[in-house]
Amino acid sequence: MNSNDERQRTLLRGLIHDIRGPLGRIKLRSEQLAAGLVPVDEVMDDVLKMDADVDQLCELTNKLYAYADSLADQHDRIDLEIAELLGQVVNSYNSVNVQLEAERRIMRLNPLALKRSLNNLIDNALEYGLPPVLVCARSGNDTLIISVDDHGHGLQPATQLLMPRMPASGDRHETSHRGLGLGIVEQFCQAHGGSLDLLRSVHGGLRAEMHLPLRPSA
């Protein structure tokens, strides 16, 4: 089994673990409600908790679909202008919260997979860090580096070492969605002959860097 297959299996096992949590809570609460074991004054509180669990399941399902798509469409590549594509993604956010600085360069990449990866990095930065989020694209040493910086507090060193693999169970309540999102980004980078690095940002938060070769293999 190669390392990429193992990463995918680890990611999916972590996702299954995360899905079982809210499913188990919903099942338990529904059984208690049906048996009349919940005091009347606590029924609404249980319903609200079940609703929150359903929202979490919906989010995990959406991430799973995105991950499946990321595995399917990596080979559909076209020549595209990087700054223009990144601008399309960044412009879909509030300009105060997300800012772009990118050099113009033509590369042969999968546009949907790149957009999905950048969306995941920006969404993670906004959810777990603090704005403004800075998106930058620069080249050097035959590599294009697309970085996403936030102004938050970054990841704890022990957690950072585990990313973008699924975090340990003790951290999963904070980083499960980030783990799956970063798994999608890592899959995109590896499919294009590159890599994903997580660093401490000069702005105090997390920096996620996509390293993509300027002349990727076909």
N, C-alpha and C. Protein backbone atom coordinates (compact mmCIF):
# COMPACT_ATOMS: atom_id res chain seq x y z
N MET A 1 0.85 -1.19 0.00
CA MET A 1 0.00 0.00 0.00
C MET A 1 0.89 1.24 0.00
N ASN A 2 0.67 2.17 -0.96
CA ASN A 2 1.51 3.36 -0.97
C ASN A 2 1.00 4.38 0.03
N SER A 3 1.84 5.42 0.27
CA SER A 3 1.52 6.39 1.32
C SER A 3 0.26 7.17 0.99
N ASN A 4 0.00 7.42 -0.30
CA ASN A 4 -1.20 8.17 -0.68
C ASN A 4 -2.46 7.38 -0.34
N ASP A 5 -2.44 6.08 -0.63
CA ASP A 5 -3.59 5.23 -0.30
C ASP A 5 -3.82 5.20 1.21
N GLU A 6 -2.75 5.14 1.97
CA GLU A 6 -2.87 5.09 3.43
C GLU A 6 -3.45 6.40 3.96
N ARG A 7 -3.02 7.53 3.39
CA ARG A 7 -3.56 8.82 3.81
C ARG A 7 -5.06 8.88 3.54
N GLN A 8 -5.48 8.39 2.37
CA GLN A 8 -6.90 8.38 2.04
C GLN A 8 -7.68 7.51 3.01
N ARG A 9 -7.15 6.35 3.34
CA ARG A 9 -7.84 5.46 4.28
C ARG A 9 -7.92 6.10 5.66
N THR A 10 -6.83 6.74 6.10
CA THR A 10 -6.83 7.39 7.41
C THR A 10 -7.86 8.51 7.45
N LEU A 11 -7.92 9.27 6.37
CA LEU A 11 -8.88 10.38 6.29
C LEU A 11 -10.31 9.87 6.34
N LEU A 12 -10.59 8.81 5.58
CA LEU A 12 -11.96 8.28 5.54
C LEU A 12 -12.33 7.60 6.86
N ARG A 13 -11.37 6.94 7.51
CA ARG A 13 -11.67 6.34 8.81
C ARG A 13 -12.01 7.44 9.83
N GLY A 14 -11.28 8.54 9.78
CA GLY A 14 -11.59 9.65 10.68
C GLY A 14 -12.95 10.25 10.40
N LEU A 15 -13.32 10.33 9.11
CA LEU A 15 -14.63 10.85 8.75
C LEU A 15 -15.73 9.95 9.27
N ILE A 16 -15.56 8.63 9.12
CA ILE A 16 -16.56 7.68 9.63
C ILE A 16 -16.71 7.84 11.13
N HIS A 17 -15.58 8.02 11.83
CA HIS A 17 -15.63 8.23 13.28
C HIS A 17 -16.46 9.47 13.61
N ASP A 18 -16.25 10.54 12.84
CA ASP A 18 -16.97 11.79 13.09
C ASP A 18 -18.47 11.66 12.81
N ILE A 19 -18.82 10.87 11.80
CA ILE A 19 -20.23 10.68 11.47
C ILE A 19 -20.94 9.87 12.55
N ARG A 20 -20.25 8.88 13.10
CA ARG A 20 -20.87 8.02 14.12
C ARG A 20 -21.26 8.81 15.36
N GLY A 21 -20.49 9.86 15.69
CA GLY A 21 -20.79 10.64 16.89
C GLY A 21 -22.17 11.25 16.88
N PRO A 22 -22.47 12.15 15.92
CA PRO A 22 -23.81 12.74 15.89
C PRO A 22 -24.91 11.73 15.61
N LEU A 23 -24.63 10.69 14.81
CA LEU A 23 -25.65 9.66 14.56
C LEU A 23 -26.03 8.97 15.86
N GLY A 24 -25.02 8.62 16.67
CA GLY A 24 -25.30 7.96 17.94
C GLY A 24 -26.08 8.84 18.89
N ARG A 25 -25.75 10.13 18.93
CA ARG A 25 -26.47 11.05 19.81
C ARG A 25 -27.92 11.23 19.37
N ILE A 26 -28.14 11.33 18.06
CA ILE A 26 -29.51 11.47 17.55
C ILE A 26 -30.33 10.23 17.88
N LYS A 27 -29.74 9.05 17.66
CA LYS A 27 -30.46 7.80 17.94
C LYS A 27 -30.83 7.70 19.42
N LEU A 28 -29.88 8.02 20.30
CA LEU A 28 -30.14 7.94 21.73
C LEU A 28 -31.24 8.91 22.14
N ARG A 29 -31.17 10.15 21.69
CA ARG A 29 -32.18 11.14 22.08
C ARG A 29 -33.55 10.78 21.53
N SER A 30 -33.60 10.28 20.28
CA SER A 30 -34.90 9.93 19.70
C SER A 30 -35.52 8.76 20.47
N GLU A 31 -34.71 7.79 20.89
CA GLU A 31 -35.23 6.66 21.66
C GLU A 31 -35.75 7.13 23.02
N GLN A 32 -35.02 8.06 23.65
CA GLN A 32 -35.45 8.58 24.95
C GLN A 32 -36.74 9.39 24.82
N LEU A 33 -36.84 10.17 23.75
CA LEU A 33 -38.06 10.96 23.53
C LEU A 33 -39.24 10.03 23.28
N ALA A 34 -39.04 9.00 22.45
CA ALA A 34 -40.12 8.08 22.13
C ALA A 34 -40.58 7.30 23.36
N ALA A 35 -39.66 7.03 24.28
CA ALA A 35 -40.01 6.29 25.49
C ALA A 35 -40.53 7.19 26.60
N GLY A 36 -40.60 8.48 26.34
CA GLY A 36 -41.09 9.41 27.35
C GLY A 36 -40.16 9.59 28.52
N LEU A 37 -38.86 9.38 28.30
CA LEU A 37 -37.88 9.47 29.37
C LEU A 37 -37.32 10.88 29.57
N VAL A 38 -37.69 11.80 28.66
CA VAL A 38 -37.17 13.17 28.75
C VAL A 38 -38.22 14.06 29.41
N PRO A 39 -37.87 14.75 30.50
CA PRO A 39 -38.83 15.66 31.14
C PRO A 39 -39.33 16.71 30.15
N VAL A 40 -40.57 17.11 30.31
CA VAL A 40 -41.20 18.03 29.36
C VAL A 40 -40.38 19.30 29.18
N ASP A 41 -39.83 19.82 30.28
CA ASP A 41 -39.10 21.07 30.18
C ASP A 41 -37.72 20.92 29.53
N GLU A 42 -37.32 19.67 29.21
CA GLU A 42 -36.04 19.44 28.56
C GLU A 42 -36.20 18.99 27.10
N VAL A 43 -37.45 18.82 26.65
CA VAL A 43 -37.69 18.31 25.30
C VAL A 43 -37.14 19.27 24.25
N MET A 44 -37.43 20.57 24.39
CA MET A 44 -36.97 21.53 23.39
C MET A 44 -35.45 21.58 23.33
N ASP A 45 -34.81 21.47 24.48
CA ASP A 45 -33.34 21.47 24.50
C ASP A 45 -32.79 20.28 23.74
N ASP A 46 -33.42 19.11 23.90
CA ASP A 46 -32.99 17.92 23.16
C ASP A 46 -33.22 18.09 21.66
N VAL A 47 -34.34 18.68 21.29
CA VAL A 47 -34.63 18.89 19.87
C VAL A 47 -33.58 19.81 19.25
N LEU A 48 -33.20 20.86 19.96
CA LEU A 48 -32.19 21.79 19.44
C LEU A 48 -30.83 21.10 19.29
N LYS A 49 -30.50 20.23 20.24
CA LYS A 49 -29.24 19.48 20.14
C LYS A 49 -29.27 18.52 18.96
N MET A 50 -30.41 17.88 18.73
CA MET A 50 -30.54 16.99 17.58
C MET A 50 -30.41 17.77 16.27
N ASP A 51 -30.99 18.97 16.25
CA ASP A 51 -30.90 19.81 15.06
C ASP A 51 -29.45 20.18 14.77
N ALA A 52 -28.69 20.49 15.82
CA ALA A 52 -27.27 20.81 15.65
C ALA A 52 -26.50 19.61 15.12
N ASP A 53 -26.85 18.41 15.60
CA ASP A 53 -26.18 17.21 15.11
C ASP A 53 -26.51 16.95 13.64
N VAL A 54 -27.75 17.22 13.24
CA VAL A 54 -28.13 17.06 11.83
C VAL A 54 -27.34 18.03 10.96
N ASP A 55 -27.17 19.27 11.43
CA ASP A 55 -26.37 20.24 10.68
C ASP A 55 -24.93 19.75 10.52
N GLN A 56 -24.38 19.16 11.57
CA GLN A 56 -23.02 18.64 11.49
C GLN A 56 -22.93 17.50 10.48
N LEU A 57 -23.94 16.63 10.47
CA LEU A 57 -23.95 15.53 9.50
C LEU A 57 -24.04 16.05 8.08
N CYS A 58 -24.85 17.10 7.87
CA CYS A 58 -24.97 17.68 6.53
C CYS A 58 -23.63 18.25 6.07
N GLU A 59 -22.93 18.92 6.98
CA GLU A 59 -21.63 19.49 6.63
C GLU A 59 -20.62 18.39 6.30
N LEU A 60 -20.61 17.33 7.09
CA LEU A 60 -19.71 16.22 6.82
C LEU A 60 -20.03 15.55 5.49
N THR A 61 -21.32 15.43 5.19
CA THR A 61 -21.74 14.83 3.91
C THR A 61 -21.27 15.67 2.74
N ASN A 62 -21.41 16.99 2.85
CA ASN A 62 -20.94 17.87 1.79
C ASN A 62 -19.44 17.75 1.59
N LYS A 63 -18.69 17.64 2.69
CA LYS A 63 -17.25 17.47 2.59
C LYS A 63 -16.90 16.14 1.94
N LEU A 64 -17.68 15.11 2.23
CA LEU A 64 -17.41 13.80 1.65
C LEU A 64 -17.64 13.83 0.14
N TYR A 65 -18.72 14.47 -0.29
CA TYR A 65 -18.97 14.62 -1.73
C TYR A 65 -17.82 15.37 -2.39
N ALA A 66 -17.36 16.45 -1.75
CA ALA A 66 -16.27 17.24 -2.31
C ALA A 66 -15.00 16.41 -2.42
N TYR A 67 -14.75 15.58 -1.40
CA TYR A 67 -13.56 14.74 -1.44
C TYR A 67 -13.66 13.70 -2.56
N ALA A 68 -14.83 13.11 -2.72
CA ALA A 68 -15.03 12.15 -3.81
C ALA A 68 -14.81 12.82 -5.17
N ASP A 69 -15.33 14.03 -5.32
CA ASP A 69 -15.13 14.77 -6.57
C ASP A 69 -13.66 15.06 -6.80
N SER A 70 -12.94 15.38 -5.71
CA SER A 70 -11.52 15.70 -5.86
C SER A 70 -10.72 14.50 -6.36
N LEU A 71 -11.17 13.29 -6.04
CA LEU A 71 -10.50 12.09 -6.53
C LEU A 71 -10.84 11.80 -7.98
N ALA A 72 -12.01 12.27 -8.43
CA ALA A 72 -12.51 11.91 -9.75
C ALA A 72 -12.04 12.83 -10.86
N ASP A 73 -11.83 14.12 -10.52
CA ASP A 73 -11.63 15.08 -11.61
C ASP A 73 -10.22 15.63 -11.72
N GLN A 74 -9.22 14.94 -11.10
CA GLN A 74 -7.88 15.49 -11.10
C GLN A 74 -7.22 15.49 -12.48
N HIS A 75 -7.67 14.66 -13.40
CA HIS A 75 -7.00 14.54 -14.68
C HIS A 75 -7.55 15.48 -15.75
N ASP A 76 -8.62 16.19 -15.45
CA ASP A 76 -9.21 17.13 -16.41
C ASP A 76 -8.50 18.47 -16.27
N ARG A 77 -7.43 18.66 -17.03
CA ARG A 77 -6.58 19.84 -16.87
C ARG A 77 -6.60 20.70 -18.13
N ILE A 78 -6.52 22.00 -17.91
CA ILE A 78 -6.47 22.96 -19.01
C ILE A 78 -5.43 24.03 -18.66
N ASP A 79 -5.00 24.77 -19.69
CA ASP A 79 -4.12 25.91 -19.45
C ASP A 79 -4.97 27.05 -18.90
N LEU A 80 -4.59 27.59 -17.76
CA LEU A 80 -5.37 28.67 -17.16
C LEU A 80 -4.45 29.72 -16.56
N GLU A 81 -4.98 30.93 -16.47
CA GLU A 81 -4.24 32.05 -15.90
C GLU A 81 -4.50 32.07 -14.40
N ILE A 82 -3.45 31.86 -13.62
CA ILE A 82 -3.59 31.65 -12.18
C ILE A 82 -4.22 32.85 -11.48
N ALA A 83 -3.71 34.04 -11.74
CA ALA A 83 -4.22 35.23 -11.04
C ALA A 83 -5.70 35.44 -11.32
N GLU A 84 -6.12 35.16 -12.55
CA GLU A 84 -7.54 35.34 -12.90
C GLU A 84 -8.41 34.34 -12.15
N LEU A 85 -7.98 33.07 -12.09
CA LEU A 85 -8.77 32.07 -11.40
C LEU A 85 -8.82 32.34 -9.89
N LEU A 86 -7.67 32.69 -9.31
CA LEU A 86 -7.67 32.99 -7.89
C LEU A 86 -8.55 34.20 -7.59
N GLY A 87 -8.54 35.17 -8.51
CA GLY A 87 -9.39 36.34 -8.33
C GLY A 87 -10.86 35.98 -8.31
N GLN A 88 -11.27 35.02 -9.14
CA GLN A 88 -12.67 34.59 -9.15
C GLN A 88 -13.07 34.03 -7.79
N VAL A 89 -12.18 33.24 -7.19
CA VAL A 89 -12.48 32.65 -5.88
C VAL A 89 -12.52 33.73 -4.80
N VAL A 90 -11.49 34.57 -4.76
CA VAL A 90 -11.38 35.59 -3.72
C VAL A 90 -12.54 36.58 -3.82
N ASN A 91 -12.96 36.92 -5.03
CA ASN A 91 -14.04 37.89 -5.20
C ASN A 91 -15.40 37.38 -4.73
N SER A 92 -15.50 36.08 -4.48
CA SER A 92 -16.75 35.53 -3.95
C SER A 92 -16.87 35.75 -2.45
N TYR A 93 -15.81 36.27 -1.82
CA TYR A 93 -15.81 36.58 -0.40
C TYR A 93 -15.85 38.09 -0.20
N ASN A 94 -16.10 38.50 1.04
CA ASN A 94 -16.04 39.91 1.40
C ASN A 94 -14.61 40.41 1.22
N SER A 95 -14.44 41.52 0.47
CA SER A 95 -13.11 42.02 0.14
C SER A 95 -12.35 42.48 1.37
N VAL A 96 -13.07 42.80 2.45
CA VAL A 96 -12.40 43.20 3.69
C VAL A 96 -11.79 41.98 4.37
N ASN A 97 -12.44 40.84 4.25
CA ASN A 97 -12.01 39.63 4.96
C ASN A 97 -10.97 38.82 4.19
N VAL A 98 -11.03 38.86 2.85
CA VAL A 98 -10.13 38.04 2.03
C VAL A 98 -9.50 38.93 0.95
N GLN A 99 -8.18 38.92 0.91
CA GLN A 99 -7.44 39.79 -0.01
C GLN A 99 -6.48 38.95 -0.84
N LEU A 100 -6.17 39.43 -2.06
CA LEU A 100 -5.36 38.66 -3.01
C LEU A 100 -4.18 39.47 -3.52
N GLU A 101 -3.05 38.77 -3.63
CA GLU A 101 -1.87 39.31 -4.31
C GLU A 101 -1.28 38.17 -5.12
N ALA A 102 -1.39 38.25 -6.45
CA ALA A 102 -0.97 37.12 -7.28
C ALA A 102 -0.30 37.61 -8.56
N GLU A 103 0.79 36.94 -8.92
CA GLU A 103 1.45 37.23 -10.18
C GLU A 103 0.74 36.49 -11.30
N ARG A 104 0.83 37.04 -12.49
CA ARG A 104 0.16 36.43 -13.63
C ARG A 104 1.04 35.33 -14.21
N ARG A 105 0.44 34.15 -14.38
CA ARG A 105 1.19 33.02 -14.89
C ARG A 105 0.22 31.99 -15.44
N ILE A 106 0.59 31.39 -16.56
CA ILE A 106 -0.22 30.33 -17.17
C ILE A 106 0.27 28.98 -16.66
N MET A 107 -0.66 28.16 -16.19
CA MET A 107 -0.31 26.80 -15.78
C MET A 107 -1.39 25.84 -16.24
N ARG A 108 -0.99 24.58 -16.37
CA ARG A 108 -1.94 23.53 -16.78
C ARG A 108 -2.40 22.79 -15.52
N LEU A 109 -3.63 23.10 -15.09
CA LEU A 109 -4.18 22.54 -13.86
C LEU A 109 -5.65 22.22 -14.05
N ASN A 110 -6.21 21.52 -13.10
CA ASN A 110 -7.66 21.31 -13.08
C ASN A 110 -8.30 22.51 -12.39
N PRO A 111 -9.06 23.34 -13.09
CA PRO A 111 -9.60 24.57 -12.48
C PRO A 111 -10.59 24.31 -11.35
N LEU A 112 -11.46 23.31 -11.50
CA LEU A 112 -12.43 23.03 -10.45
C LEU A 112 -11.75 22.54 -9.18
N ALA A 113 -10.73 21.69 -9.36
CA ALA A 113 -10.02 21.16 -8.20
C ALA A 113 -9.24 22.27 -7.50
N LEU A 114 -8.65 23.19 -8.27
CA LEU A 114 -7.93 24.30 -7.66
C LEU A 114 -8.88 25.23 -6.91
N LYS A 115 -10.03 25.53 -7.52
CA LYS A 115 -11.02 26.37 -6.84
C LYS A 115 -11.50 25.72 -5.54
N ARG A 116 -11.78 24.42 -5.61
CA ARG A 116 -12.25 23.71 -4.43
C ARG A 116 -11.19 23.73 -3.33
N SER A 117 -9.94 23.54 -3.71
CA SER A 117 -8.86 23.54 -2.73
C SER A 117 -8.71 24.91 -2.08
N LEU A 118 -8.74 25.97 -2.91
CA LEU A 118 -8.59 27.31 -2.37
C LEU A 118 -9.78 27.68 -1.47
N ASN A 119 -10.98 27.28 -1.89
CA ASN A 119 -12.16 27.52 -1.04
C ASN A 119 -12.00 26.86 0.33
N ASN A 120 -11.48 25.64 0.34
CA ASN A 120 -11.28 24.93 1.61
C ASN A 120 -10.29 25.66 2.49
N LEU A 121 -9.20 26.15 1.92
CA LEU A 121 -8.19 26.84 2.71
C LEU A 121 -8.73 28.17 3.25
N ILE A 122 -9.45 28.90 2.42
CA ILE A 122 -10.01 30.18 2.87
C ILE A 122 -11.09 29.95 3.92
N ASP A 123 -11.96 28.98 3.69
CA ASP A 123 -13.02 28.70 4.67
C ASP A 123 -12.43 28.29 6.01
N ASN A 124 -11.38 27.46 5.98
CA ASN A 124 -10.72 27.07 7.22
C ASN A 124 -10.13 28.28 7.93
N ALA A 125 -9.50 29.16 7.14
CA ALA A 125 -8.86 30.34 7.72
C ALA A 125 -9.89 31.25 8.38
N LEU A 126 -11.05 31.40 7.74
CA LEU A 126 -12.09 32.26 8.29
C LEU A 126 -12.76 31.62 9.51
N GLU A 127 -12.90 30.27 9.48
CA GLU A 127 -13.61 29.60 10.57
C GLU A 127 -12.72 29.42 11.80
N TYR A 128 -11.45 29.06 11.59
CA TYR A 128 -10.58 28.72 12.71
C TYR A 128 -9.57 29.82 13.03
N GLY A 129 -9.36 30.75 12.08
CA GLY A 129 -8.44 31.85 12.31
C GLY A 129 -9.19 33.16 12.45
N LEU A 130 -8.51 34.24 12.05
CA LEU A 130 -9.11 35.57 12.11
C LEU A 130 -8.80 36.31 10.82
N PRO A 131 -9.75 37.11 10.32
CA PRO A 131 -9.47 37.90 9.13
C PRO A 131 -8.56 39.08 9.47
N PRO A 132 -7.96 39.72 8.46
CA PRO A 132 -8.12 39.37 7.06
C PRO A 132 -7.32 38.13 6.67
N VAL A 133 -7.83 37.40 5.68
CA VAL A 133 -7.13 36.26 5.11
C VAL A 133 -6.41 36.73 3.86
N LEU A 134 -5.14 36.43 3.76
CA LEU A 134 -4.32 36.90 2.66
C LEU A 134 -3.98 35.75 1.73
N VAL A 135 -4.40 35.82 0.48
CA VAL A 135 -4.09 34.81 -0.53
C VAL A 135 -3.00 35.36 -1.44
N CYS A 136 -1.94 34.60 -1.61
CA CYS A 136 -0.81 35.07 -2.40
C CYS A 136 -0.35 33.96 -3.33
N ALA A 137 0.03 34.32 -4.56
CA ALA A 137 0.59 33.36 -5.51
C ALA A 137 1.90 33.94 -6.03
N ARG A 138 2.98 33.18 -5.83
CA ARG A 138 4.29 33.63 -6.27
C ARG A 138 5.07 32.42 -6.75
N SER A 139 6.06 32.65 -7.63
CA SER A 139 6.84 31.55 -8.18
C SER A 139 8.29 31.66 -7.76
N GLY A 140 8.95 30.51 -7.73
CA GLY A 140 10.37 30.45 -7.42
C GLY A 140 10.85 29.03 -7.46
N ASN A 141 12.09 28.84 -7.98
CA ASN A 141 12.68 27.50 -8.05
C ASN A 141 11.77 26.50 -8.77
N ASP A 142 11.23 26.94 -9.91
CA ASP A 142 10.38 26.08 -10.75
C ASP A 142 9.12 25.62 -10.03
N THR A 143 8.68 26.37 -9.04
CA THR A 143 7.49 26.01 -8.27
C THR A 143 6.60 27.23 -8.08
N LEU A 144 5.30 27.03 -8.24
CA LEU A 144 4.33 28.06 -7.90
C LEU A 144 3.85 27.79 -6.48
N ILE A 145 3.90 28.79 -5.64
CA ILE A 145 3.44 28.66 -4.26
C ILE A 145 2.19 29.52 -4.08
N ILE A 146 1.09 28.87 -3.74
CA ILE A 146 -0.16 29.58 -3.43
C ILE A 146 -0.34 29.46 -1.92
N SER A 147 -0.28 30.59 -1.24
CA SER A 147 -0.36 30.57 0.22
C SER A 147 -1.63 31.26 0.70
N VAL A 148 -2.14 30.78 1.83
CA VAL A 148 -3.30 31.37 2.48
C VAL A 148 -2.93 31.61 3.94
N ASP A 149 -2.88 32.88 4.35
CA ASP A 149 -2.50 33.26 5.71
C ASP A 149 -3.70 33.84 6.44
N ASP A 150 -3.81 33.52 7.73
CA ASP A 150 -4.82 34.18 8.55
C ASP A 150 -4.15 34.85 9.75
N HIS A 151 -4.91 35.64 10.48
CA HIS A 151 -4.38 36.41 11.60
C HIS A 151 -4.81 35.80 12.95
N GLY A 152 -5.09 34.49 12.95
CA GLY A 152 -5.53 33.85 14.18
C GLY A 152 -4.37 33.44 15.05
N HIS A 153 -4.54 32.33 15.77
CA HIS A 153 -3.53 31.85 16.71
C HIS A 153 -2.81 30.61 16.20
N GLY A 154 -3.11 30.19 14.96
CA GLY A 154 -2.44 29.03 14.39
C GLY A 154 -2.87 27.73 15.04
N LEU A 155 -2.15 26.66 14.73
CA LEU A 155 -2.40 25.35 15.33
C LEU A 155 -1.37 25.08 16.40
N GLN A 156 -1.77 24.34 17.43
CA GLN A 156 -0.80 23.90 18.42
C GLN A 156 0.20 22.97 17.73
N PRO A 157 1.48 23.02 18.11
CA PRO A 157 2.50 22.19 17.43
C PRO A 157 2.13 20.72 17.32
N ALA A 158 1.57 20.13 18.38
CA ALA A 158 1.22 18.70 18.33
C ALA A 158 0.14 18.44 17.31
N THR A 159 -0.82 19.36 17.20
CA THR A 159 -1.89 19.19 16.22
C THR A 159 -1.37 19.42 14.82
N GLN A 160 -0.51 20.42 14.65
CA GLN A 160 0.00 20.74 13.33
C GLN A 160 0.76 19.57 12.73
N LEU A 161 1.46 18.80 13.57
CA LEU A 161 2.21 17.66 13.07
C LEU A 161 1.29 16.60 12.47
N LEU A 162 0.04 16.56 12.91
CA LEU A 162 -0.91 15.56 12.44
C LEU A 162 -1.65 15.99 11.18
N MET A 163 -1.63 17.29 10.86
CA MET A 163 -2.38 17.77 9.73
C MET A 163 -1.53 17.63 8.47
N PRO A 164 -2.16 17.39 7.26
CA PRO A 164 -3.60 17.37 7.02
C PRO A 164 -4.25 16.01 7.25
N ARG A 165 -3.51 15.07 7.88
CA ARG A 165 -4.20 13.83 8.25
C ARG A 165 -5.24 14.14 9.31
N MET A 166 -6.19 13.23 9.51
CA MET A 166 -7.20 13.45 10.52
C MET A 166 -6.54 13.59 11.88
N PRO A 167 -6.92 14.58 12.69
CA PRO A 167 -6.31 14.79 13.99
C PRO A 167 -6.68 13.69 14.98
N ALA A 168 -5.96 13.67 16.09
CA ALA A 168 -6.26 12.70 17.14
C ALA A 168 -7.65 12.96 17.69
N SER A 169 -8.26 11.93 18.26
CA SER A 169 -9.65 12.04 18.70
C SER A 169 -9.85 13.18 19.68
N GLY A 170 -8.84 13.49 20.49
CA GLY A 170 -8.99 14.56 21.46
C GLY A 170 -9.09 15.92 20.82
N ASP A 171 -8.57 16.07 19.59
CA ASP A 171 -8.62 17.34 18.89
C ASP A 171 -9.74 17.40 17.86
N ARG A 172 -10.43 16.26 17.64
CA ARG A 172 -11.31 16.18 16.49
C ARG A 172 -12.49 17.13 16.58
N HIS A 173 -12.94 17.48 17.78
CA HIS A 173 -14.09 18.38 17.90
C HIS A 173 -13.74 19.77 17.38
N GLU A 174 -12.43 20.09 17.30
CA GLU A 174 -12.03 21.39 16.79
C GLU A 174 -11.55 21.33 15.35
N THR A 175 -11.02 20.19 14.90
CA THR A 175 -10.30 20.17 13.64
C THR A 175 -10.76 19.12 12.65
N SER A 176 -11.89 18.45 12.90
CA SER A 176 -12.31 17.39 11.99
C SER A 176 -12.61 17.92 10.60
N HIS A 177 -13.34 19.03 10.52
CA HIS A 177 -13.69 19.57 9.21
C HIS A 177 -12.46 20.14 8.52
N ARG A 178 -11.60 20.76 9.31
CA ARG A 178 -10.35 21.25 8.75
C ARG A 178 -9.55 20.08 8.19
N GLY A 179 -9.53 18.93 8.92
CA GLY A 179 -8.77 17.78 8.46
C GLY A 179 -9.26 17.27 7.12
N LEU A 180 -10.56 17.16 6.94
CA LEU A 180 -11.10 16.68 5.67
C LEU A 180 -10.86 17.69 4.57
N GLY A 181 -11.04 18.98 4.88
CA GLY A 181 -10.79 20.01 3.87
C GLY A 181 -9.35 20.01 3.42
N LEU A 182 -8.42 19.87 4.38
CA LEU A 182 -7.01 19.84 4.02
C LEU A 182 -6.66 18.56 3.28
N GLY A 183 -7.39 17.47 3.55
CA GLY A 183 -7.18 16.24 2.79
C GLY A 183 -7.50 16.44 1.32
N ILE A 184 -8.55 17.22 1.03
CA ILE A 184 -8.92 17.54 -0.35
C ILE A 184 -7.81 18.35 -1.00
N VAL A 185 -7.27 19.33 -0.26
CA VAL A 185 -6.19 20.16 -0.80
C VAL A 185 -4.95 19.33 -1.05
N GLU A 186 -4.60 18.47 -0.11
CA GLU A 186 -3.42 17.63 -0.27
C GLU A 186 -3.57 16.70 -1.48
N GLN A 187 -4.77 16.16 -1.67
CA GLN A 187 -5.01 15.28 -2.81
C GLN A 187 -4.80 16.04 -4.11
N PHE A 188 -5.28 17.28 -4.18
CA PHE A 188 -5.10 18.12 -5.39
C PHE A 188 -3.61 18.35 -5.64
N CYS A 189 -2.88 18.73 -4.61
CA CYS A 189 -1.46 19.03 -4.78
C CYS A 189 -0.69 17.81 -5.26
N GLN A 190 -0.92 16.67 -4.64
CA GLN A 190 -0.19 15.46 -5.01
C GLN A 190 -0.54 15.01 -6.42
N ALA A 191 -1.81 15.16 -6.82
CA ALA A 191 -2.21 14.77 -8.17
C ALA A 191 -1.52 15.62 -9.23
N HIS A 192 -1.11 16.84 -8.85
CA HIS A 192 -0.42 17.74 -9.78
C HIS A 192 1.08 17.77 -9.54
N GLY A 193 1.60 16.76 -8.82
CA GLY A 193 3.03 16.65 -8.60
C GLY A 193 3.58 17.57 -7.53
N GLY A 194 2.71 18.11 -6.67
CA GLY A 194 3.15 19.06 -5.65
C GLY A 194 2.92 18.57 -4.25
N SER A 195 2.81 19.52 -3.31
CA SER A 195 2.66 19.17 -1.90
C SER A 195 1.96 20.30 -1.17
N LEU A 196 1.49 20.00 0.04
CA LEU A 196 0.85 20.96 0.92
C LEU A 196 1.67 21.08 2.19
N ASP A 197 1.99 22.33 2.58
CA ASP A 197 2.73 22.56 3.81
C ASP A 197 1.91 23.46 4.73
N LEU A 198 1.98 23.20 6.04
CA LEU A 198 1.35 24.04 7.05
C LEU A 198 2.43 24.66 7.92
N LEU A 199 2.39 25.98 8.00
CA LEU A 199 3.43 26.72 8.71
C LEU A 199 2.78 27.77 9.61
N ARG A 200 3.58 28.38 10.47
CA ARG A 200 3.09 29.52 11.23
C ARG A 200 3.21 30.75 10.37
N SER A 201 2.14 31.50 10.26
CA SER A 201 2.13 32.71 9.45
C SER A 201 2.90 33.82 10.13
N VAL A 202 3.48 34.70 9.33
CA VAL A 202 4.15 35.88 9.89
C VAL A 202 3.14 36.80 10.55
N HIS A 203 1.86 36.58 10.26
CA HIS A 203 0.79 37.40 10.86
C HIS A 203 0.27 36.78 12.16
N GLY A 204 0.88 35.69 12.59
CA GLY A 204 0.52 35.08 13.86
C GLY A 204 -0.38 33.87 13.76
N GLY A 205 -1.06 33.70 12.63
CA GLY A 205 -1.97 32.58 12.47
C GLY A 205 -1.33 31.42 11.73
N LEU A 206 -2.14 30.74 10.92
CA LEU A 206 -1.68 29.59 10.16
C LEU A 206 -1.43 30.00 8.71
N ARG A 207 -0.37 29.47 8.14
CA ARG A 207 -0.12 29.62 6.70
C ARG A 207 -0.22 28.25 6.05
N ALA A 208 -1.10 28.11 5.07
CA ALA A 208 -1.19 26.89 4.27
C ALA A 208 -0.60 27.20 2.90
N GLU A 209 0.35 26.39 2.48
CA GLU A 209 1.02 26.62 1.20
C GLU A 209 0.82 25.43 0.27
N MET A 210 0.30 25.70 -0.92
CA MET A 210 0.24 24.71 -1.99
C MET A 210 1.47 24.92 -2.87
N HIS A 211 2.32 23.89 -2.97
CA HIS A 211 3.50 23.94 -3.83
C HIS A 211 3.20 23.14 -5.09
N LEU A 212 3.19 23.82 -6.22
CA LEU A 212 2.85 23.18 -7.50
C LEU A 212 3.98 23.40 -8.50
N PRO A 213 4.52 22.33 -9.08
CA PRO A 213 5.60 22.49 -10.06
C PRO A 213 5.11 23.28 -11.27
N LEU A 214 5.98 24.17 -11.77
CA LEU A 214 5.59 24.98 -12.92
C LEU A 214 5.50 24.15 -14.19
N ARG A 215 6.20 23.03 -14.22
CA ARG A 215 6.10 22.12 -15.37
C ARG A 215 5.73 20.74 -14.85
N PRO A 216 4.45 20.59 -14.39
CA PRO A 216 4.05 19.31 -13.81
C PRO A 216 4.06 18.20 -14.83
N SER A 217 4.25 17.00 -14.35
CA SER A 217 4.22 15.84 -15.24
C SER A 217 2.83 15.62 -15.75
N ALA A 218 2.68 15.06 -16.94
CA ALA A 218 1.37 14.85 -17.55
C ALA A 218 0.60 13.79 -16.79
